[in-house]
Amino acid sequence: MKPTLIKTLLALAVLVCCHPVTAHACAACYGASDSPMAKGFNWGIFSLLAVVLSVLGGIAGFFFYLARRAAAQAAEQAVANQTPVTAH
């Protein structure tokens, strides 16, 4: 695509986004904070937060498992590599 076409489309997109009719605030910010719509937004946010935290917790748990497993194998290998001390 030509650079002038890209610039024109970008300018058009910015103008459409900044148009006063399309730039209204959401119901949680603009309307009553105790409306059913705001409560729905809050539950949606909490639900998505729970999903993100559970995924991150699973990833952290997996790395914790790997660290414990590596430490156990290292300790097991260290015990296996020990040679008995002979008296001279």
Foldseek 3Di string as FASTA:
>chain_A
DDPVVVVVVVVVVVCVCPPVVNVDDDCCVPHDVPDPVNVVVVVVVVVVVVVVVVVVVVVVVVVVVVVVVVVVVVVVVVVVPDDDDDDD
